[in-house]
Amino acid sequence: MKMIGLIGGMSWESSAEYYRILNQGVRDRLGPTASARCLLWSFDFSEIEALQRQGDWAGLTARMVDAARRLETGGADVLVICTNTMHRMAPEVQAAVGIPLLHIADPTARRIKAAGFGRIGLLGTAFTMEQDFYKGRLSATHGLDVIVPDEADRATVHRIIYEELVAGQVLPESRQAYRDVIARLVAAGAEAIILGCTEIMLLVGPEDSAVPLVDTTALHAEAAIEHALRA
């Protein structure tokens, strides 16, 4: 089994889900006493969030590259960035190490295309919804038509992530707000909805949407398992 290097702590709420899914998945495949071989580099998310808010992407890239190199030095055979937003610097991270980085958008797109969907709604942080590093990969590399909420809905989605979900707060009124945003994306033609922030799966589930929800956390972790167990 290969060693999985996890760049996490952004936030630790979703990193804990990665750890759970990885270990449950390996146990299901290899037997009741089996668990994943992994290393976790966990950031203090308050420092990361402050740099995001300041727009210091160069500083964030330097920290991500440093984490990736430390994990490679520690024996990781493959890297997983446990957040959608910080895939903004995935190319720089990959260029800095000699082991593969599994991009979160790729297993997401493969699952969507396998289901026969082409027009997809995207929820995530404002960075993920508004910048091109994620949407562009889905469209240019995988040929998907990606739509995002309007400006007011994007602000609501982003606020709930940073003020509530990263702190482990799951509020009924926020679940309803997300349901409303999802419904508007469906009305705009979305055939499925990408939960493009690794905390969103803490808030909404299949019962909250008229179309399928695509959980990037689960798909990313499952892709890491497949890679780790591949001969």
C-alpha atoms as a PDB file:
ATOM      1  CA  MET A   1       0.000   0.000   0.000  1.00  0.00           C
ATOM      2  CA  LYS A   2       1.357   3.409  -0.953  1.00  0.00           C
ATOM      3  CA  MET A   3       1.666   6.189   1.629  1.00  0.00           C
ATOM      4  CA  ILE A   4      -0.917   8.981   1.176  1.00  0.00           C
ATOM      5  CA  GLY A   5       0.256  12.484   2.084  1.00  0.00           C
ATOM      6  CA  LEU A   6      -2.609  14.716   3.225  1.00  0.00           C
ATOM      7  CA  ILE A   7      -2.313  18.507   3.224  1.00  0.00           C
ATOM      8  CA  GLY A   8      -5.110  19.319   5.641  1.00  0.00           C
ATOM      9  CA  GLY A   9      -6.351  21.552   8.419  1.00  0.00           C
ATOM     10  CA  MET A  10      -8.329  23.748   5.969  1.00  0.00           C
ATOM     11  CA  SER A  11     -10.446  23.170   7.959  1.00  0.00           C
ATOM     12  CA  TRP A  12      -9.803  20.224  10.274  1.00  0.00           C
ATOM     13  CA  GLU A  13     -13.547  19.448  10.122  1.00  0.00           C
ATOM     14  CA  SER A  14     -13.214  18.265   6.544  1.00  0.00           C
ATOM     15  CA  SER A  15      -9.749  16.757   7.116  1.00  0.00           C
ATOM     16  CA  ALA A  16     -11.342  14.492   9.716  1.00  0.00           C
ATOM     17  CA  GLU A  17     -13.783  13.325   7.036  1.00  0.00           C
ATOM     18  CA  TYR A  18     -10.893  12.527   4.705  1.00  0.00           C
ATOM     19  CA  TYR A  19      -9.243  10.451   7.444  1.00  0.00           C
ATOM     20  CA  ARG A  20     -12.482   8.598   8.161  1.00  0.00           C
ATOM     21  CA  ILE A  21     -13.255   7.855   4.501  1.00  0.00           C
ATOM     22  CA  LEU A  22      -9.688   6.719   3.767  1.00  0.00           C
ATOM     23  CA  ASN A  23      -9.585   4.293   6.665  1.00  0.00           C
ATOM     24  CA  GLN A  24     -13.089   2.946   6.157  1.00  0.00           C
ATOM     25  CA  GLY A  25     -12.394   2.464   2.464  1.00  0.00           C
ATOM     26  CA  VAL A  26      -9.169   0.546   3.038  1.00  0.00           C
ATOM     27  CA  ARG A  27     -10.857  -1.582   5.708  1.00  0.00           C
ATOM     28  CA  ASP A  28     -13.714  -2.412   3.337  1.00  0.00           C
ATOM     29  CA  ARG A  29     -11.271  -3.514   0.653  1.00  0.00           C
ATOM     30  CA  LEU A  30      -8.612  -5.299   2.705  1.00  0.00           C
ATOM     31  CA  GLY A  31     -10.353  -6.576   5.824  1.00  0.00           C
ATOM     32  CA  PRO A  32     -11.498  -5.531   9.301  1.00  0.00           C
ATOM     33  CA  THR A  33      -8.039  -4.798  10.760  1.00  0.00           C
ATOM     34  CA  ALA A  34      -6.702  -2.883   7.746  1.00  0.00           C
ATOM     35  CA  SER A  35      -6.305   0.898   7.692  1.00  0.00           C
ATOM     36  CA  ALA A  36      -4.772   3.505   5.420  1.00  0.00           C
ATOM     37  CA  ARG A  37      -1.082   4.360   5.441  1.00  0.00           C
ATOM     38  CA  CYS A  38      -1.080   8.137   5.552  1.00  0.00           C
ATOM     39  CA  LEU A  39       0.748  11.223   6.742  1.00  0.00           C
ATOM     40  CA  LEU A  40      -1.139  14.405   7.651  1.00  0.00           C
ATOM     41  CA  TRP A  41       0.236  17.929   7.548  1.00  0.00           C
ATOM     42  CA  SER A  42      -2.393  20.048   9.298  1.00  0.00           C
ATOM     43  CA  PHE A  43      -2.335  23.842   9.033  1.00  0.00           C
ATOM     44  CA  ASP A  44      -3.663  26.333  11.549  1.00  0.00           C
ATOM     45  CA  PHE A  45      -6.585  27.429   9.380  1.00  0.00           C
ATOM     46  CA  SER A  46      -6.790  30.854  11.044  1.00  0.00           C
ATOM     47  CA  GLU A  47      -3.451  31.686   9.416  1.00  0.00           C
ATOM     48  CA  ILE A  48      -4.583  30.346   6.038  1.00  0.00           C
ATOM     49  CA  GLU A  49      -7.909  32.199   6.189  1.00  0.00           C
ATOM     50  CA  ALA A  50      -6.165  35.474   6.994  1.00  0.00           C
ATOM     51  CA  LEU A  51      -3.901  35.149   3.954  1.00  0.00           C
ATOM     52  CA  GLN A  52      -6.885  34.250   1.756  1.00  0.00           C
ATOM     53  CA  ARG A  53      -8.747  37.321   2.991  1.00  0.00           C
ATOM     54  CA  GLN A  54      -5.693  39.490   2.232  1.00  0.00           C
ATOM     55  CA  GLY A  55      -5.352  37.971  -1.245  1.00  0.00           C
ATOM     56  CA  ASP A  56      -1.797  36.824  -0.469  1.00  0.00           C
ATOM     57  CA  TRP A  57      -1.806  33.873  -2.842  1.00  0.00           C
ATOM     58  CA  ALA A  58       1.989  33.941  -3.165  1.00  0.00           C
ATOM     59  CA  GLY A  59       2.308  33.444   0.584  1.00  0.00           C
ATOM     60  CA  LEU A  60      -0.274  30.683   0.516  1.00  0.00           C
ATOM     61  CA  THR A  61       1.519  28.960  -2.343  1.00  0.00           C
ATOM     62  CA  ALA A  62       4.796  29.035  -0.422  1.00  0.00           C
ATOM     63  CA  ARG A  63       3.137  27.374   2.565  1.00  0.00           C
ATOM     64  CA  MET A  64       1.489  24.707   0.421  1.00  0.00           C
ATOM     65  CA  VAL A  65       4.740  23.914  -1.375  1.00  0.00           C
ATOM     66  CA  ASP A  66       6.541  23.652   1.967  1.00  0.00           C
ATOM     67  CA  ALA A  67       3.895  21.236   3.287  1.00  0.00           C
ATOM     68  CA  ALA A  68       4.075  19.111   0.138  1.00  0.00           C
ATOM     69  CA  ARG A  69       7.860  18.854   0.328  1.00  0.00           C
ATOM     70  CA  ARG A  70       7.725  17.902   4.005  1.00  0.00           C
ATOM     71  CA  LEU A  71       5.251  15.126   3.251  1.00  0.00           C
ATOM     72  CA  GLU A  72       7.382  13.848   0.372  1.00  0.00           C
ATOM     73  CA  THR A  73      10.457  13.866   2.597  1.00  0.00           C
ATOM     74  CA  GLY A  74       8.456  11.999   5.233  1.00  0.00           C
ATOM     75  CA  GLY A  75       7.742   9.161   2.821  1.00  0.00           C
ATOM     76  CA  ALA A  76       4.498  10.070   1.046  1.00  0.00           C
ATOM     77  CA  ASP A  77       4.026   8.405  -2.348  1.00  0.00           C
ATOM     78  CA  VAL A  78       1.065  10.551  -3.431  1.00  0.00           C
ATOM     79  CA  LEU A  79      -0.369  13.911  -2.329  1.00  0.00           C
ATOM     80  CA  VAL A  80      -3.930  14.973  -1.584  1.00  0.00           C
ATOM     81  CA  ILE A  81      -4.882  18.604  -0.881  1.00  0.00           C
ATOM     82  CA  CYS A  82      -7.867  18.283   1.486  1.00  0.00           C
ATOM     83  CA  THR A  83      -9.695  21.379   0.243  1.00  0.00           C
ATOM     84  CA  ASN A  84     -11.095  22.570  -3.076  1.00  0.00           C
ATOM     85  CA  THR A  85     -10.046  26.212  -2.713  1.00  0.00           C
ATOM     86  CA  MET A  86      -6.344  25.547  -2.253  1.00  0.00           C
ATOM     87  CA  HIS A  87      -6.218  23.678  -5.548  1.00  0.00           C
ATOM     88  CA  ARG A  88      -5.676  27.174  -6.912  1.00  0.00           C
ATOM     89  CA  MET A  89      -1.959  26.457  -6.406  1.00  0.00           C
ATOM     90  CA  ALA A  90      -2.078  22.791  -7.439  1.00  0.00           C
ATOM     91  CA  PRO A  91       0.231  23.370 -10.458  1.00  0.00           C
ATOM     92  CA  GLU A  92       2.898  24.978  -8.259  1.00  0.00           C
ATOM     93  CA  VAL A  93       2.622  22.218  -5.659  1.00  0.00           C
ATOM     94  CA  GLN A  94       2.931  19.502  -8.297  1.00  0.00           C
ATOM     95  CA  ALA A  95       5.944  21.204  -9.866  1.00  0.00           C
ATOM     96  CA  ALA A  96       7.718  21.333  -6.491  1.00  0.00           C
ATOM     97  CA  VAL A  97       7.638  17.594  -5.750  1.00  0.00           C
ATOM     98  CA  GLY A  98       8.472  14.351  -7.486  1.00  0.00           C
ATOM     99  CA  ILE A  99       5.338  12.445  -6.470  1.00  0.00           C
ATOM    100  CA  PRO A 100       1.870  12.740  -8.022  1.00  0.00           C
ATOM    101  CA  LEU A 101      -0.756  15.176  -6.766  1.00  0.00           C
ATOM    102  CA  LEU A 102      -4.324  13.917  -7.159  1.00  0.00           C
ATOM    103  CA  HIS A 103      -6.411  16.908  -8.272  1.00  0.00           C
ATOM    104  CA  ILE A 104      -9.843  17.017  -6.620  1.00  0.00           C
ATOM    105  CA  ALA A 105     -11.624  18.150  -9.795  1.00  0.00           C
ATOM    106  CA  ASP A 106     -10.641  15.062 -11.792  1.00  0.00           C
ATOM    107  CA  PRO A 107     -12.517  12.288  -9.909  1.00  0.00           C
ATOM    108  CA  THR A 108     -15.407  14.742  -9.549  1.00  0.00           C
ATOM    109  CA  ALA A 109     -15.594  15.264 -13.308  1.00  0.00           C
ATOM    110  CA  ARG A 110     -15.218  11.555 -14.047  1.00  0.00           C
ATOM    111  CA  ARG A 111     -18.179  10.716 -11.796  1.00  0.00           C
ATOM    112  CA  ILE A 112     -20.313  13.454 -13.386  1.00  0.00           C
ATOM    113  CA  LYS A 113     -19.537  12.335 -16.924  1.00  0.00           C
ATOM    114  CA  ALA A 114     -20.108   8.672 -16.053  1.00  0.00           C
ATOM    115  CA  ALA A 115     -23.598   9.654 -14.879  1.00  0.00           C
ATOM    116  CA  GLY A 116     -24.254  11.342 -18.217  1.00  0.00           C
ATOM    117  CA  PHE A 117     -24.476  14.920 -16.934  1.00  0.00           C
ATOM    118  CA  GLY A 118     -23.080  17.893 -18.852  1.00  0.00           C
ATOM    119  CA  ARG A 119     -24.442  21.074 -17.177  1.00  0.00           C
ATOM    120  CA  ILE A 120     -23.373  21.303 -13.562  1.00  0.00           C
ATOM    121  CA  GLY A 121     -24.002  23.715 -10.689  1.00  0.00           C
ATOM    122  CA  LEU A 122     -21.015  24.559  -8.485  1.00  0.00           C
ATOM    123  CA  LEU A 123     -21.108  25.534  -4.806  1.00  0.00           C
ATOM    124  CA  GLY A 124     -17.966  26.449  -2.894  1.00  0.00           C
ATOM    125  CA  THR A 125     -16.048  29.349  -1.459  1.00  0.00           C
ATOM    126  CA  ALA A 126     -16.178  32.612  -3.391  1.00  0.00           C
ATOM    127  CA  PHE A 127     -12.661  31.822  -4.631  1.00  0.00           C
ATOM    128  CA  THR A 128     -13.769  28.491  -6.091  1.00  0.00           C
ATOM    129  CA  MET A 129     -17.009  29.809  -7.577  1.00  0.00           C
ATOM    130  CA  GLU A 130     -15.578  33.036  -9.030  1.00  0.00           C
ATOM    131  CA  GLN A 131     -12.019  32.223 -10.097  1.00  0.00           C
ATOM    132  CA  ASP A 132     -11.090  29.988 -13.027  1.00  0.00           C
ATOM    133  CA  PHE A 133      -8.681  27.481 -11.445  1.00  0.00           C
ATOM    134  CA  TYR A 134     -11.514  25.030 -10.666  1.00  0.00           C
ATOM    135  CA  LYS A 135     -14.255  25.875 -13.165  1.00  0.00           C
ATOM    136  CA  GLY A 136     -11.656  26.111 -15.901  1.00  0.00           C
ATOM    137  CA  ARG A 137     -10.353  22.608 -15.235  1.00  0.00           C
ATOM    138  CA  LEU A 138     -13.876  21.186 -15.272  1.00  0.00           C
ATOM    139  CA  SER A 139     -14.666  22.880 -18.579  1.00  0.00           C
ATOM    140  CA  ALA A 140     -11.356  22.883 -20.463  1.00  0.00           C
ATOM    141  CA  THR A 141     -10.096  19.458 -19.372  1.00  0.00           C
ATOM    142  CA  HIS A 142     -13.382  17.604 -18.943  1.00  0.00           C
ATOM    143  CA  GLY A 143     -15.810  19.445 -21.213  1.00  0.00           C
ATOM    144  CA  LEU A 144     -18.403  20.284 -18.557  1.00  0.00           C
ATOM    145  CA  ASP A 145     -20.690  23.332 -18.635  1.00  0.00           C
ATOM    146  CA  VAL A 146     -20.379  24.871 -15.160  1.00  0.00           C
ATOM    147  CA  ILE A 147     -22.818  27.399 -13.707  1.00  0.00           C
ATOM    148  CA  VAL A 148     -22.534  29.209 -10.374  1.00  0.00           C
ATOM    149  CA  PRO A 149     -25.009  31.083  -8.169  1.00  0.00           C
ATOM    150  CA  ASP A 150     -25.620  34.799  -8.619  1.00  0.00           C
ATOM    151  CA  GLU A 151     -23.633  37.336  -6.607  1.00  0.00           C
ATOM    152  CA  ALA A 152     -25.977  37.430  -3.602  1.00  0.00           C
ATOM    153  CA  ASP A 153     -26.183  33.641  -3.400  1.00  0.00           C
ATOM    154  CA  ARG A 154     -22.410  33.310  -3.738  1.00  0.00           C
ATOM    155  CA  ALA A 155     -21.998  35.658  -0.776  1.00  0.00           C
ATOM    156  CA  THR A 156     -24.420  33.556   1.294  1.00  0.00           C
ATOM    157  CA  VAL A 157     -22.714  30.285   0.422  1.00  0.00           C
ATOM    158  CA  HIS A 158     -19.267  31.713   1.209  1.00  0.00           C
ATOM    159  CA  ARG A 159     -20.340  33.305   4.501  1.00  0.00           C
ATOM    160  CA  ILE A 160     -21.869  30.086   5.824  1.00  0.00           C
ATOM    161  CA  ILE A 161     -18.704  28.148   5.012  1.00  0.00           C
ATOM    162  CA  TYR A 162     -16.344  30.560   6.775  1.00  0.00           C
ATOM    163  CA  GLU A 163     -18.518  31.666   9.683  1.00  0.00           C
ATOM    164  CA  GLU A 164     -20.226  28.357  10.486  1.00  0.00           C
ATOM    165  CA  LEU A 165     -19.094  25.153   8.775  1.00  0.00           C
ATOM    166  CA  VAL A 166     -15.367  25.524   9.445  1.00  0.00           C
ATOM    167  CA  ALA A 167     -16.308  25.968  13.119  1.00  0.00           C
ATOM    168  CA  GLY A 168     -18.457  22.827  13.093  1.00  0.00           C
ATOM    169  CA  GLN A 169     -21.740  24.761  13.250  1.00  0.00           C
ATOM    170  CA  VAL A 170     -24.589  23.163  11.277  1.00  0.00           C
ATOM    171  CA  LEU A 171     -27.657  25.405  11.475  1.00  0.00           C
ATOM    172  CA  PRO A 172     -31.160  24.637  10.150  1.00  0.00           C
ATOM    173  CA  GLU A 173     -31.552  28.108   8.658  1.00  0.00           C
ATOM    174  CA  SER A 174     -28.277  27.711   6.765  1.00  0.00           C
ATOM    175  CA  ARG A 175     -29.383  24.345   5.424  1.00  0.00           C
ATOM    176  CA  GLN A 176     -32.531  26.021   4.124  1.00  0.00           C
ATOM    177  CA  ALA A 177     -30.468  28.802   2.558  1.00  0.00           C
ATOM    178  CA  TYR A 178     -28.386  26.218   0.711  1.00  0.00           C
ATOM    179  CA  ARG A 179     -31.539  24.391  -0.373  1.00  0.00           C
ATOM    180  CA  ASP A 180     -32.812  27.631  -1.877  1.00  0.00           C
ATOM    181  CA  VAL A 181     -29.530  28.284  -3.704  1.00  0.00           C
ATOM    182  CA  ILE A 182     -29.506  24.733  -5.045  1.00  0.00           C
ATOM    183  CA  ALA A 183     -33.095  25.094  -6.254  1.00  0.00           C
ATOM    184  CA  ARG A 184     -32.178  28.231  -8.186  1.00  0.00           C
ATOM    185  CA  LEU A 185     -29.251  26.449  -9.843  1.00  0.00           C
ATOM    186  CA  VAL A 186     -31.557  23.605 -10.820  1.00  0.00           C
ATOM    187  CA  ALA A 187     -34.027  26.118 -12.260  1.00  0.00           C
ATOM    188  CA  ALA A 188     -31.115  27.510 -14.320  1.00  0.00           C
ATOM    189  CA  GLY A 189     -30.528  24.082 -15.837  1.00  0.00           C
ATOM    190  CA  ALA A 190     -28.092  22.331 -13.485  1.00  0.00           C
ATOM    191  CA  GLU A 191     -28.399  18.551 -13.858  1.00  0.00           C
ATOM    192  CA  ALA A 192     -26.341  17.925 -10.701  1.00  0.00           C
ATOM    193  CA  ILE A 193     -24.646  20.046  -8.031  1.00  0.00           C
ATOM    194  CA  ILE A 194     -20.968  19.884  -7.102  1.00  0.00           C
ATOM    195  CA  LEU A 195     -20.365  20.379  -3.383  1.00  0.00           C
ATOM    196  CA  GLY A 196     -17.130  22.168  -4.214  1.00  0.00           C
ATOM    197  CA  CYS A 197     -16.060  22.898  -0.674  1.00  0.00           C
ATOM    198  CA  THR A 198     -15.058  20.012   1.542  1.00  0.00           C
ATOM    199  CA  GLU A 199     -17.221  21.276   4.442  1.00  0.00           C
ATOM    200  CA  ILE A 200     -20.521  21.543   2.544  1.00  0.00           C
ATOM    201  CA  MET A 201     -21.250  17.842   2.915  1.00  0.00           C
ATOM    202  CA  LEU A 202     -21.578  18.527   6.646  1.00  0.00           C
ATOM    203  CA  LEU A 203     -24.629  20.689   5.911  1.00  0.00           C
ATOM    204  CA  VAL A 204     -26.591  19.232   2.995  1.00  0.00           C
ATOM    205  CA  GLY A 205     -27.372  15.766   1.665  1.00  0.00           C
ATOM    206  CA  PRO A 206     -29.363  14.115  -1.122  1.00  0.00           C
ATOM    207  CA  GLU A 207     -32.642  14.994   0.561  1.00  0.00           C
ATOM    208  CA  ASP A 208     -31.858  18.704   0.130  1.00  0.00           C
ATOM    209  CA  SER A 209     -31.712  18.690  -3.664  1.00  0.00           C
ATOM    210  CA  ALA A 210     -33.959  17.739  -6.576  1.00  0.00           C
ATOM    211  CA  VAL A 211     -30.870  16.664  -8.552  1.00  0.00           C
ATOM    212  CA  PRO A 212     -27.848  14.552  -7.507  1.00  0.00           C
ATOM    213  CA  LEU A 213     -25.227  16.100  -5.241  1.00  0.00           C
ATOM    214  CA  VAL A 214     -21.580  15.371  -6.056  1.00  0.00           C
ATOM    215  CA  ASP A 215     -19.500  15.162  -2.872  1.00  0.00           C
ATOM    216  CA  THR A 216     -15.937  16.133  -3.776  1.00  0.00           C
ATOM    217  CA  THR A 217     -14.562  15.044  -0.387  1.00  0.00           C
ATOM    218  CA  ALA A 218     -15.734  11.453  -0.775  1.00  0.00           C
ATOM    219  CA  LEU A 219     -14.696  11.188  -4.427  1.00  0.00           C
ATOM    220  CA  HIS A 220     -11.243  12.655  -3.740  1.00  0.00           C
ATOM    221  CA  ALA A 221     -10.617  10.299  -0.823  1.00  0.00           C
ATOM    222  CA  GLU A 222     -11.832   7.325  -2.848  1.00  0.00           C
ATOM    223  CA  ALA A 223      -9.453   8.259  -5.670  1.00  0.00           C
ATOM    224  CA  ALA A 224      -6.596   8.334  -3.148  1.00  0.00           C
ATOM    225  CA  ILE A 225      -7.534   4.851  -1.938  1.00  0.00           C
ATOM    226  CA  GLU A 226      -7.569   3.488  -5.479  1.00  0.00           C
ATOM    227  CA  HIS A 227      -4.156   5.033  -6.156  1.00  0.00           C
ATOM    228  CA  ALA A 228      -2.684   3.762  -2.908  1.00  0.00           C
ATOM    229  CA  LEU A 229      -3.838   0.189  -3.502  1.00  0.00           C
ATOM    230  CA  ARG A 230      -2.923   0.053  -7.202  1.00  0.00           C
ATOM    231  CA  ALA A 231      -0.104  -2.407  -7.865  1.00  0.00           C
END
